[in-house]
């Protein structure tokens, strides 16, 4: 990264590198699972044919009337609550 030594808004030292490495290690599994969910869900959110677009749209319109309507929210909440973040004092 040329110019980093002279940049007034760039700060990075060996202690920060250690903290970032630990943070990455702690987050790696959680991020991997979230990315996997996103990749699998992509088929639904970006259908590859007109028929699948029609089916997706139909499912979205009828979801509020289905008995499993809370499942979507439950799944999103499970993913969001799957990790306990540390409280870093500032």
C-alpha atoms as a PDB file:
ATOM      1  CA  UNK A   1       0.000   0.000   0.000  1.00  0.00           C
ATOM      2  CA  UNK A   2       1.993   2.916  -1.238  1.00  0.00           C
ATOM      3  CA  UNK A   3       1.594   6.160   0.683  1.00  0.00           C
ATOM      4  CA  UNK A   4       0.465   4.550   3.932  1.00  0.00           C
ATOM      5  CA  UNK A   5       3.360   5.975   5.929  1.00  0.00           C
ATOM      6  CA  UNK A   6       2.388   9.519   4.964  1.00  0.00           C
ATOM      7  CA  UNK A   7      -1.385   9.122   5.219  1.00  0.00           C
ATOM      8  CA  UNK A   8      -2.754  11.143   8.182  1.00  0.00           C
ATOM      9  CA  UNK A   9      -5.783   8.846   8.646  1.00  0.00           C
ATOM     10  CA  UNK A  10      -4.048   5.449   8.540  1.00  0.00           C
ATOM     11  CA  UNK A  11      -3.093   3.708  11.785  1.00  0.00           C
ATOM     12  CA  UNK A  12      -2.105   0.085  12.162  1.00  0.00           C
ATOM     13  CA  UNK A  13       0.378  -1.449  14.594  1.00  0.00           C
ATOM     14  CA  UNK A  14       1.338  -4.925  15.798  1.00  0.00           C
ATOM     15  CA  UNK A  15      -1.105  -4.805  18.745  1.00  0.00           C
ATOM     16  CA  UNK A  16      -3.984  -4.020  16.389  1.00  0.00           C
ATOM     17  CA  UNK A  17      -2.897  -6.902  14.178  1.00  0.00           C
ATOM     18  CA  UNK A  18      -3.120  -9.305  17.121  1.00  0.00           C
ATOM     19  CA  UNK A  19      -6.590  -8.049  18.059  1.00  0.00           C
ATOM     20  CA  UNK A  20      -7.822  -8.321  14.476  1.00  0.00           C
ATOM     21  CA  UNK A  21      -6.434 -11.852  14.195  1.00  0.00           C
ATOM     22  CA  UNK A  22      -8.261 -12.914  17.368  1.00  0.00           C
ATOM     23  CA  UNK A  23     -11.457 -11.240  16.184  1.00  0.00           C
ATOM     24  CA  UNK A  24     -11.214 -13.032  12.841  1.00  0.00           C
ATOM     25  CA  UNK A  25     -10.680 -16.382  14.573  1.00  0.00           C
ATOM     26  CA  UNK A  26     -13.722 -15.816  16.793  1.00  0.00           C
ATOM     27  CA  UNK A  27     -15.963 -14.726  13.916  1.00  0.00           C
ATOM     28  CA  UNK A  28     -14.806 -17.179  11.227  1.00  0.00           C
ATOM     29  CA  UNK A  29     -17.288 -20.011  11.893  1.00  0.00           C
ATOM     30  CA  UNK A  30     -20.237 -17.666  12.311  1.00  0.00           C
ATOM     31  CA  UNK A  31     -19.431 -15.756   9.131  1.00  0.00           C
ATOM     32  CA  UNK A  32     -18.933 -18.994   7.178  1.00  0.00           C
ATOM     33  CA  UNK A  33     -22.380 -20.254   8.205  1.00  0.00           C
ATOM     34  CA  UNK A  34     -24.049 -16.919   7.374  1.00  0.00           C
ATOM     35  CA  UNK A  35     -22.380 -16.831   3.961  1.00  0.00           C
ATOM     36  CA  UNK A  36     -23.490 -20.419   3.313  1.00  0.00           C
ATOM     37  CA  UNK A  37     -27.074 -19.464   4.161  1.00  0.00           C
ATOM     38  CA  UNK A  38     -26.841 -16.502   1.819  1.00  0.00           C
ATOM     39  CA  UNK A  39     -25.517 -18.601  -1.040  1.00  0.00           C
ATOM     40  CA  UNK A  40     -28.230 -21.199  -0.614  1.00  0.00           C
ATOM     41  CA  UNK A  41     -30.905 -18.511  -0.386  1.00  0.00           C
ATOM     42  CA  UNK A  42     -29.669 -16.876  -3.576  1.00  0.00           C
ATOM     43  CA  UNK A  43     -31.489 -19.478  -5.654  1.00  0.00           C
ATOM     44  CA  UNK A  44     -34.742 -18.267  -4.098  1.00  0.00           C
ATOM     45  CA  UNK A  45     -34.053 -14.533  -4.246  1.00  0.00           C
ATOM     46  CA  UNK A  46     -32.586 -14.543  -7.768  1.00  0.00           C
ATOM     47  CA  UNK A  47     -34.548 -17.176  -9.718  1.00  0.00           C
ATOM     48  CA  UNK A  48     -33.160 -18.237 -13.082  1.00  0.00           C
ATOM     49  CA  UNK A  49     -36.412 -18.640 -15.014  1.00  0.00           C
ATOM     50  CA  UNK A  50     -39.763 -16.917 -15.495  1.00  0.00           C
ATOM     51  CA  UNK A  51     -41.534 -19.879 -13.917  1.00  0.00           C
ATOM     52  CA  UNK A  52     -39.404 -19.667 -10.780  1.00  0.00           C
ATOM     53  CA  UNK A  53     -39.914 -15.898 -10.601  1.00  0.00           C
ATOM     54  CA  UNK A  54     -43.664 -16.452 -10.764  1.00  0.00           C
ATOM     55  CA  UNK A  55     -43.499 -19.158  -8.086  1.00  0.00           C
ATOM     56  CA  UNK A  56     -41.335 -17.002  -5.793  1.00  0.00           C
ATOM     57  CA  UNK A  57     -43.699 -14.060  -6.142  1.00  0.00           C
ATOM     58  CA  UNK A  58     -46.710 -16.281  -5.460  1.00  0.00           C
ATOM     59  CA  UNK A  59     -45.044 -17.654  -2.331  1.00  0.00           C
ATOM     60  CA  UNK A  60     -44.246 -14.118  -1.114  1.00  0.00           C
ATOM     61  CA  UNK A  61     -47.857 -13.014  -1.621  1.00  0.00           C
ATOM     62  CA  UNK A  62     -49.339 -16.029   0.157  1.00  0.00           C
ATOM     63  CA  UNK A  63     -46.809 -16.299   3.002  1.00  0.00           C
ATOM     64  CA  UNK A  64     -48.760 -14.056   5.434  1.00  0.00           C
ATOM     65  CA  UNK A  65     -51.657 -16.518   5.246  1.00  0.00           C
ATOM     66  CA  UNK A  66     -49.634 -19.699   5.756  1.00  0.00           C
ATOM     67  CA  UNK A  67     -49.283 -21.481   9.105  1.00  0.00           C
ATOM     68  CA  UNK A  68     -45.462 -21.446   8.767  1.00  0.00           C
ATOM     69  CA  UNK A  69     -45.246 -17.675   8.236  1.00  0.00           C
ATOM     70  CA  UNK A  70     -43.227 -17.224  11.425  1.00  0.00           C
ATOM     71  CA  UNK A  71     -40.562 -19.643  10.193  1.00  0.00           C
ATOM     72  CA  UNK A  72     -38.841 -17.018   8.040  1.00  0.00           C
ATOM     73  CA  UNK A  73     -38.506 -14.626  10.969  1.00  0.00           C
ATOM     74  CA  UNK A  74     -37.432 -17.462  13.269  1.00  0.00           C
ATOM     75  CA  UNK A  75     -34.676 -18.522  10.884  1.00  0.00           C
ATOM     76  CA  UNK A  76     -33.390 -14.962  10.546  1.00  0.00           C
ATOM     77  CA  UNK A  77     -33.395 -14.507  14.321  1.00  0.00           C
ATOM     78  CA  UNK A  78     -31.541 -17.800  14.816  1.00  0.00           C
ATOM     79  CA  UNK A  79     -28.812 -16.669  12.448  1.00  0.00           C
ATOM     80  CA  UNK A  80     -28.567 -13.244  14.062  1.00  0.00           C
ATOM     81  CA  UNK A  81     -28.430 -14.644  17.583  1.00  0.00           C
ATOM     82  CA  UNK A  82     -26.048 -17.511  16.837  1.00  0.00           C
ATOM     83  CA  UNK A  83     -23.080 -15.614  18.266  1.00  0.00           C
ATOM     84  CA  UNK A  84     -22.482 -13.702  21.456  1.00  0.00           C
ATOM     85  CA  UNK A  85     -20.478 -10.589  20.690  1.00  0.00           C
ATOM     86  CA  UNK A  86     -18.007  -9.352  23.251  1.00  0.00           C
ATOM     87  CA  UNK A  87     -18.535  -5.962  24.813  1.00  0.00           C
ATOM     88  CA  UNK A  88     -15.484  -3.901  23.950  1.00  0.00           C
ATOM     89  CA  UNK A  89     -15.026  -0.837  26.118  1.00  0.00           C
ATOM     90  CA  UNK A  90     -14.280   2.369  24.272  1.00  0.00           C
END
